[in-house]
Protein backbone atom coordinates (compact mmCIF):
# COMPACT_ATOMS: atom_id res chain seq x y z
CA MET A 1 -19.27 -20.64 -0.01
CA GLN A 2 -17.45 -17.68 1.53
CA SER A 3 -15.95 -15.24 -0.94
CA ASP A 4 -12.21 -14.59 -1.01
CA GLN A 5 -12.88 -10.97 -0.18
CA ASP A 6 -15.12 -11.49 2.85
CA ASN A 7 -12.40 -11.13 5.47
CA LEU A 8 -10.20 -8.62 3.66
CA GLN A 9 -9.52 -5.55 5.81
CA PRO A 10 -6.84 -2.85 5.29
CA ASP A 11 -4.96 -3.38 8.55
CA ASP A 12 -3.21 0.00 8.44
CA LEU A 13 -6.53 1.87 8.50
CA PRO A 14 -9.33 2.13 11.06
CA PRO A 15 -11.73 -0.87 10.92
CA ASP A 16 -14.62 -0.07 8.63
CA ASN A 17 -17.49 -1.70 6.81
CA LEU A 18 -16.14 -2.29 3.31
CA GLN A 19 -19.38 -3.68 1.93
CA ASP A 20 -20.28 -0.36 0.31
CA TYR A 21 -17.01 -0.44 -1.63
CA ARG A 22 -17.31 -3.98 -2.96
CA ILE A 23 -17.42 -4.35 -6.76
CA GLU A 24 -19.06 -7.53 -8.09
CA SER A 25 -19.71 -6.61 -11.73
CA ARG A 26 -17.46 -8.83 -13.84
CA LEU A 27 -17.19 -6.20 -16.59
CA GLU A 28 -16.15 -3.53 -14.10
CA ILE A 29 -13.64 -5.84 -12.38
CA ILE A 30 -12.02 -6.71 -15.72
CA ALA A 31 -11.90 -3.04 -16.71
CA LEU A 32 -10.19 -2.09 -13.42
CA LEU A 33 -7.65 -4.91 -13.68
CA ARG A 34 -6.83 -4.03 -17.29
CA ALA A 35 -6.36 -0.39 -16.33
CA LEU A 36 -3.90 -1.46 -13.63
CA SER A 37 -2.06 -3.58 -16.19
CA GLU A 38 -1.94 -0.86 -18.85
CA LYS A 39 -0.55 1.66 -16.36
CA ASN A 40 1.97 -0.91 -15.08
CA GLN A 41 0.83 -0.09 -11.56
CA PHE A 42 2.79 -1.65 -8.71
CA VAL A 43 0.73 -4.10 -6.60
CA LYS A 44 1.59 -5.26 -3.08
CA MET A 45 1.13 -9.02 -2.89
CA SER A 46 0.89 -10.46 0.65
CA ILE A 47 0.18 -13.78 2.31
CA ILE A 48 -2.80 -13.15 4.60
CA GLY A 49 -1.92 -13.83 8.22
CA HIS A 50 1.85 -13.73 7.61
CA ASN A 51 4.45 -10.99 7.35
CA ASP A 52 5.40 -12.03 3.81
CA ALA A 53 4.95 -9.56 0.94
CA CYS A 54 6.50 -8.42 -2.31
CA VAL A 55 5.86 -5.94 -5.09
CA THR A 56 4.39 -7.24 -8.35
CA SER A 57 2.38 -6.01 -11.35
CA ILE A 58 -0.38 -7.37 -13.58
CA LEU A 59 1.05 -8.64 -16.86
CA GLU A 60 -2.15 -9.71 -18.61
CA VAL A 61 -5.90 -10.04 -18.03
CA ASP A 62 -7.45 -12.87 -20.09
CA ALA A 63 -11.21 -12.51 -19.69
CA GLU A 64 -12.00 -15.31 -22.16
CA ASN A 65 -10.05 -17.88 -20.16
CA ASP A 66 -10.82 -16.27 -16.79
CA TYR A 67 -7.34 -15.60 -15.44
CA LEU A 68 -4.83 -12.84 -14.87
CA LEU A 69 -1.06 -13.11 -14.95
CA LEU A 70 1.23 -11.50 -12.38
CA ASP A 71 4.94 -10.80 -12.35
CA CYS A 72 6.98 -13.14 -10.14
CA SER A 73 9.13 -12.20 -7.19
CA ILE A 74 12.83 -12.52 -7.92
CA ASP A 75 12.94 -14.80 -4.86
CA ASN A 76 11.90 -18.28 -6.05
CA GLU A 77 11.28 -19.45 -2.50
CA GLN A 78 8.91 -16.54 -1.96
CA ASN A 79 7.05 -17.50 -5.13
CA ARG A 80 6.61 -21.01 -3.77
CA ARG A 81 5.24 -19.61 -0.52
CA MET A 82 2.74 -17.49 -2.42
CA ILE A 83 1.58 -20.45 -4.49
CA SER A 84 1.13 -22.72 -1.47
CA ALA A 85 -0.54 -20.07 0.75
CA ASP A 86 -4.17 -20.48 1.76
CA LYS A 87 -4.97 -16.92 0.74
CA VAL A 88 -3.01 -14.10 -0.91
CA SER A 89 -4.13 -10.46 -0.88
CA PHE A 90 -3.37 -7.68 -3.36
CA ASP A 91 -3.32 -3.97 -2.56
CA THR A 92 -2.75 -1.18 -5.09
CA ALA A 93 -4.16 2.14 -6.32
CA LEU A 94 -5.68 3.37 -9.56
CA ASP A 95 -6.15 7.08 -10.20
CA LYS A 96 -5.66 7.72 -6.49
CA ILE A 97 -8.33 5.19 -5.48
CA ARG A 98 -7.28 2.15 -3.45
CA ILE A 99 -7.98 -1.26 -5.01
CA MET A 100 -7.87 -4.54 -3.03
CA PHE A 101 -8.62 -8.14 -3.95
CA SER A 102 -7.48 -11.64 -3.00
CA THR A 103 -7.22 -15.22 -4.19
CA THR A 104 -7.04 -18.73 -2.79
CA SER A 105 -5.64 -20.23 -5.99
CA MET A 106 -2.35 -19.41 -7.71
CA GLU A 107 0.05 -21.34 -9.89
CA GLU A 108 3.30 -20.86 -11.76
CA CYS A 109 3.28 -20.49 -15.56
CA MET A 110 5.29 -19.03 -18.45
CA PHE A 111 4.66 -15.63 -20.04
CA GLU A 112 6.69 -14.38 -23.00
CA GLY A 113 9.52 -16.75 -22.14
CA ARG A 114 9.71 -16.02 -18.44
CA LEU A 115 8.11 -17.25 -15.24
CA ALA A 116 4.88 -15.66 -14.06
CA LEU A 117 2.05 -16.34 -11.63
CA ARG A 118 -1.49 -17.13 -12.75
CA MET A 119 -4.71 -16.76 -10.75
CA PRO A 120 -8.45 -16.68 -11.55
CA ILE A 121 -10.01 -13.27 -12.14
CA PRO A 122 -11.47 -12.35 -8.72
CA ASP A 123 -15.25 -12.46 -8.49
CA ASN A 124 -15.21 -9.24 -6.44
CA LEU A 125 -12.84 -6.55 -5.27
CA ILE A 126 -12.79 -3.52 -3.00
CA ARG A 127 -12.54 0.00 -4.42
CA LEU A 128 -12.11 2.54 -1.63
CA GLN A 129 -13.27 6.02 -2.54
CA ARG A 130 -13.97 7.71 0.81
CA ARG A 131 -11.85 10.82 1.25
CA ASP A 132 -10.80 10.00 4.82
CA LEU A 133 -9.41 6.67 3.52
CA PHE A 134 -7.80 8.29 0.47
CA ARG A 135 -4.02 7.99 0.40
CA ILE A 136 -1.61 9.66 -1.98
CA ASN A 137 2.04 8.81 -2.60
CA THR A 138 4.64 11.29 -1.42
CA PRO A 139 7.71 12.29 -3.49
CA VAL A 140 10.39 9.64 -3.95
CA LEU A 141 13.35 11.72 -5.16
CA ASN A 142 13.06 14.36 -2.42
CA PRO A 143 11.04 12.53 0.25
CA VAL A 144 9.27 14.12 3.17
CA ARG A 145 10.79 12.71 6.36
CA CYS A 146 9.33 11.92 9.73
CA SER A 147 11.50 12.36 12.82
CA ILE A 148 10.72 9.89 15.61
CA PRO A 149 12.28 10.05 19.09
CA LEU A 150 13.63 6.62 19.97
CA PRO A 151 12.70 5.23 23.38
CA GLU A 152 15.43 3.80 25.60
CA ASP A 153 14.54 0.19 24.82
CA ILE A 154 15.50 0.61 21.15
CA GLY A 155 18.11 3.35 21.43
CA GLU A 156 18.29 7.07 22.14
CA GLY A 157 18.04 10.25 20.10
CA SER A 158 15.86 10.56 17.02
CA ALA A 159 15.75 8.72 13.69
CA HIS A 160 14.42 10.00 10.36
CA PHE A 161 12.23 7.95 8.03
CA PRO A 162 10.99 8.80 4.51
CA LEU A 163 7.25 8.81 3.95
CA ALA A 164 5.76 6.47 1.34
CA ASP A 165 2.25 7.96 1.39
CA ILE A 166 -0.05 10.14 3.44
CA SER A 167 -3.76 10.40 4.21
CA GLY A 168 -5.95 12.49 6.46
CA GLY A 169 -5.66 9.78 9.09
CA GLY A 170 -2.03 8.72 8.97
CA ILE A 171 1.10 7.92 7.02
CA ALA A 172 3.10 5.02 5.72
CA LEU A 173 6.82 5.29 6.33
CA LEU A 174 9.79 3.22 5.22
CA ASP A 175 12.08 1.79 7.90
CA GLU A 176 14.81 0.47 5.60
CA LYS A 177 17.21 -0.34 8.45
CA MET A 178 14.40 -1.85 10.58
CA ILE A 179 15.19 0.34 13.55
CA LEU A 180 11.70 0.74 14.99
CA ASP A 181 9.81 -1.75 17.10
CA ASN A 182 7.02 -2.71 14.68
CA LEU A 183 4.68 -4.19 17.29
CA ILE A 184 1.09 -3.43 16.27
CA GLY A 185 -0.35 -0.87 18.68
CA ARG A 186 3.05 0.58 19.64
CA VAL A 187 2.77 4.37 20.02
CA TYR A 188 5.67 6.75 19.34
CA LYS A 189 5.20 10.17 20.92
CA GLY A 190 6.70 13.51 19.91
CA CYS A 191 6.96 12.71 16.18
CA ARG A 192 7.65 15.55 13.75
CA ILE A 193 6.89 15.75 10.03
CA ASP A 194 8.37 18.79 8.29
CA ILE A 195 6.14 19.43 5.26
CA PRO A 196 7.90 21.70 2.73
CA GLU A 197 6.28 25.10 2.17
CA ILE A 198 3.44 24.25 4.59
CA GLY A 199 4.63 23.70 8.14
CA LEU A 200 5.74 21.37 10.89
CA VAL A 201 3.33 18.63 11.96
CA THR A 202 3.72 17.25 15.49
CA CYS A 203 1.81 14.19 16.68
CA SER A 204 2.02 10.70 18.09
CA LEU A 205 2.07 7.76 15.69
CA GLU A 206 0.48 4.38 16.36
CA ILE A 207 1.77 1.38 14.41
CA ARG A 208 -1.16 -0.31 12.67
CA SER A 209 0.60 -2.52 10.12
CA SER A 210 4.06 -3.78 9.23
CA GLN A 211 5.13 -5.36 5.97
CA ASP A 212 8.60 -6.45 4.87
CA LEU A 213 8.61 -5.87 1.12
CA THR A 214 10.93 -7.42 -1.44
CA LEU A 215 11.42 -4.68 -4.02
CA LEU A 216 11.94 -5.24 -7.73
CA ASN A 217 15.70 -4.66 -7.28
CA GLY A 218 15.85 -7.46 -4.70
CA LYS A 219 16.32 -5.20 -1.68
CA THR A 220 14.13 -5.50 1.40
CA SER A 221 12.32 -2.57 3.00
CA ARG A 222 9.89 -2.43 5.91
CA ARG A 223 6.71 -0.43 5.38
CA LEU A 224 4.95 0.74 8.53
CA GLY A 225 1.37 1.98 8.40
CA CYS A 226 0.77 4.52 11.17
CA LEU A 227 -2.25 6.39 12.53
CA PHE A 228 -2.07 9.99 13.70
CA ARG A 229 -2.67 10.41 17.43
CA ASP A 230 -2.84 13.58 19.58
CA MET A 231 -2.64 15.86 16.55
CA PRO A 232 -3.62 19.54 16.99
CA ARG A 233 -6.33 20.78 14.62
CA SER A 234 -3.93 23.27 13.07
CA ASN A 235 -1.59 20.40 12.17
CA GLN A 236 -4.49 18.47 10.62
CA ASN A 237 -5.04 21.50 8.38
CA PHE A 238 -1.37 21.28 7.31
CA VAL A 239 -1.87 17.64 6.33
CA ASP A 240 -5.04 18.44 4.36
CA ARG A 241 -3.27 21.30 2.54
CA TYR A 242 -0.36 19.05 1.66
CA ILE A 243 -2.65 16.34 0.27
CA THR A 244 -4.41 18.98 -1.86
CA LYS A 245 -1.02 20.24 -3.09
CA LEU A 246 0.07 16.73 -4.09
CA GLN A 247 -3.25 16.17 -5.88
CA ARG A 248 -2.84 19.37 -7.88
CA GLU A 249 0.72 18.47 -8.86
CA LEU A 250 -0.37 14.99 -9.93
CA ASN A 251 -3.29 16.35 -11.93
CA ALA A 252 -0.96 18.82 -13.64
CA LYS A 253 1.37 16.01 -14.69
CA LEU A 254 -1.50 13.89 -15.97
CA THR A 255 -2.83 16.75 -18.09
CA GLY A 256 0.61 17.67 -19.41
CA LEU A 257 0.79 20.97 -17.55
CA GLY A 258 3.40 19.91 -15.04
CA LYS A 259 7.13 20.34 -15.46
């Protein structure tokens, strides 16, 4: 029988062989899921093959009864779609390492007097540790913004979009007003990312994924995963320096040395 994870690929990253990152040890899987639950880490839950996703979190991991509980979407119809889907994928991060898993079985249940979703503990998951695939979240309160010139078919001038995360190979940006054409493979030229205290990055951006997310407050936002194209080496150095800066700031907060 084919595993749930066999066809799981991060569609906003270059195709890669994920076999080396597959975890099959039940004890390790349970430990990772419990760590995600304890840290109340947000998890993107998506119907594979459809542009249908929401943000959730792991409420409980019951190893004895072989299930984990997930928070529901506030949209009951979306919950029904998740339950009836052939396969649902989950994408999150733990200690700056990307974690992915999936399921073909989900049902509604009650948890502490409220609705929740229940699924079997996955028999394997993907833990991405390669540095070139490593992504780190960018600031929320004072976000870095990407300026994208708009082609004539969707308007003129430039529009500015806050970054959600960044890696050595690309960015994820939030198109809250859904201005951009999100066709996979669409390339936007002449993009500019002004990184505070480091420098201006200029490049082309290729759309590699698009997800409409229902946030916990009920609002909808579109997340676009983009690959860097035509980037000068000096600009790549700016990106690497910024990622290192974010890592240091995060480490300082985790060790109690940050502000």
